[in-house]
Amino acid sequence: MQLATQLALYHARAVELRTEADAYRLATAARHPRDFRTRLGWTLVKVGLRLAAPPKTYSRCSPAL
């Protein structure tokens, strides 16, 4: 393959990769509110499970020192 042809192909591919990277950055920037909602939802589930669980019982006797 000629050097000029190979260089042109590399440049074209670099432009494609930069375009894909920009699109990915835009997609991830738009997704952040959903990530927050997901974390908040799982936190609420965890709190609900703690509230629904039977209370832990502790013995009143302390171990001998």
C-alpha atoms as a PDB file:
ATOM      1  CA  MET A   1       0.000   0.000   0.000  1.00  0.00           C
ATOM      2  CA  GLN A   2       1.253   3.463  -0.803  1.00  0.00           C
ATOM      3  CA  LEU A   3       2.318   5.598   2.116  1.00  0.00           C
ATOM      4  CA  ALA A   4       0.001   8.442   1.152  1.00  0.00           C
ATOM      5  CA  THR A   5      -2.981   6.078   0.901  1.00  0.00           C
ATOM      6  CA  GLN A   6      -2.198   4.484   4.246  1.00  0.00           C
ATOM      7  CA  LEU A   7      -1.824   7.900   5.876  1.00  0.00           C
ATOM      8  CA  ALA A   8      -5.171   9.027   4.446  1.00  0.00           C
ATOM      9  CA  LEU A   9      -6.860   5.894   5.839  1.00  0.00           C
ATOM     10  CA  TYR A  10      -5.348   6.501   9.279  1.00  0.00           C
ATOM     11  CA  HIS A  11      -6.573  10.097   9.267  1.00  0.00           C
ATOM     12  CA  ALA A  12     -10.072   9.040   8.204  1.00  0.00           C
ATOM     13  CA  ARG A  13     -10.223   6.434  10.966  1.00  0.00           C
ATOM     14  CA  ALA A  14      -8.972   8.961  13.532  1.00  0.00           C
ATOM     15  CA  VAL A  15     -11.831  11.303  12.576  1.00  0.00           C
ATOM     16  CA  GLU A  16     -14.336   8.449  12.977  1.00  0.00           C
ATOM     17  CA  LEU A  17     -12.947   7.553  16.406  1.00  0.00           C
ATOM     18  CA  ARG A  18     -13.079  11.168  17.575  1.00  0.00           C
ATOM     19  CA  THR A  19     -16.689  11.415  16.423  1.00  0.00           C
ATOM     20  CA  GLU A  20     -17.605   8.227  18.314  1.00  0.00           C
ATOM     21  CA  ALA A  21     -15.815   9.492  21.426  1.00  0.00           C
ATOM     22  CA  ASP A  22     -17.739  12.784  21.304  1.00  0.00           C
ATOM     23  CA  ALA A  23     -21.027  10.925  20.925  1.00  0.00           C
ATOM     24  CA  TYR A  24     -20.145   8.697  23.891  1.00  0.00           C
ATOM     25  CA  ARG A  25     -19.259  11.715  26.054  1.00  0.00           C
ATOM     26  CA  LEU A  26     -22.571  13.360  25.226  1.00  0.00           C
ATOM     27  CA  ALA A  27     -24.480  10.154  26.000  1.00  0.00           C
ATOM     28  CA  THR A  28     -22.790   9.692  29.378  1.00  0.00           C
ATOM     29  CA  ALA A  29     -23.351  13.344  30.314  1.00  0.00           C
ATOM     30  CA  ALA A  30     -27.072  12.966  29.643  1.00  0.00           C
ATOM     31  CA  ARG A  31     -27.256   9.767  31.719  1.00  0.00           C
ATOM     32  CA  HIS A  32     -26.184  11.188  35.105  1.00  0.00           C
ATOM     33  CA  PRO A  33     -29.698  11.950  36.451  1.00  0.00           C
ATOM     34  CA  ARG A  34     -30.649   8.304  36.002  1.00  0.00           C
ATOM     35  CA  ASP A  35     -27.559   7.224  37.935  1.00  0.00           C
ATOM     36  CA  PHE A  36     -28.621   9.443  40.832  1.00  0.00           C
ATOM     37  CA  ARG A  37     -32.139   8.037  40.773  1.00  0.00           C
ATOM     38  CA  THR A  38     -30.754   4.499  40.752  1.00  0.00           C
ATOM     39  CA  ARG A  39     -28.531   5.151  43.767  1.00  0.00           C
ATOM     40  CA  LEU A  40     -31.383   6.853  45.605  1.00  0.00           C
ATOM     41  CA  GLY A  41     -33.722   3.953  44.823  1.00  0.00           C
ATOM     42  CA  TRP A  42     -31.304   1.327  46.112  1.00  0.00           C
ATOM     43  CA  THR A  43     -30.686   3.394  49.238  1.00  0.00           C
ATOM     44  CA  LEU A  44     -34.422   3.496  49.900  1.00  0.00           C
ATOM     45  CA  VAL A  45     -34.622  -0.273  49.380  1.00  0.00           C
ATOM     46  CA  LYS A  46     -31.789  -0.786  51.865  1.00  0.00           C
ATOM     47  CA  VAL A  47     -33.489   1.442  54.460  1.00  0.00           C
ATOM     48  CA  GLY A  48     -36.788  -0.352  53.919  1.00  0.00           C
ATOM     49  CA  LEU A  49     -35.158  -3.733  54.446  1.00  0.00           C
ATOM     50  CA  ARG A  50     -33.563  -2.520  57.661  1.00  0.00           C
ATOM     51  CA  LEU A  51     -36.902  -1.257  58.917  1.00  0.00           C
ATOM     52  CA  ALA A  52     -38.658  -4.513  58.002  1.00  0.00           C
ATOM     53  CA  ALA A  53     -36.036  -6.745  59.627  1.00  0.00           C
ATOM     54  CA  PRO A  54     -36.652  -7.931  63.165  1.00  0.00           C
ATOM     55  CA  PRO A  55     -34.695  -5.942  65.744  1.00  0.00           C
ATOM     56  CA  LYS A  56     -31.385  -7.368  66.863  1.00  0.00           C
ATOM     57  CA  THR A  57     -31.342  -8.647  70.415  1.00  0.00           C
ATOM     58  CA  TYR A  58     -28.336  -8.093  72.588  1.00  0.00           C
ATOM     59  CA  SER A  59     -27.621  -9.939  75.804  1.00  0.00           C
ATOM     60  CA  ARG A  60     -27.496  -7.825  78.921  1.00  0.00           C
ATOM     61  CA  CYS A  61     -24.589  -9.748  80.373  1.00  0.00           C
ATOM     62  CA  SER A  62     -21.155  -8.400  79.645  1.00  0.00           C
ATOM     63  CA  PRO A  63     -18.272 -10.820  79.212  1.00  0.00           C
ATOM     64  CA  ALA A  64     -16.007 -11.328  82.199  1.00  0.00           C
ATOM     65  CA  LEU A  65     -12.836  -9.298  82.120  1.00  0.00           C
END
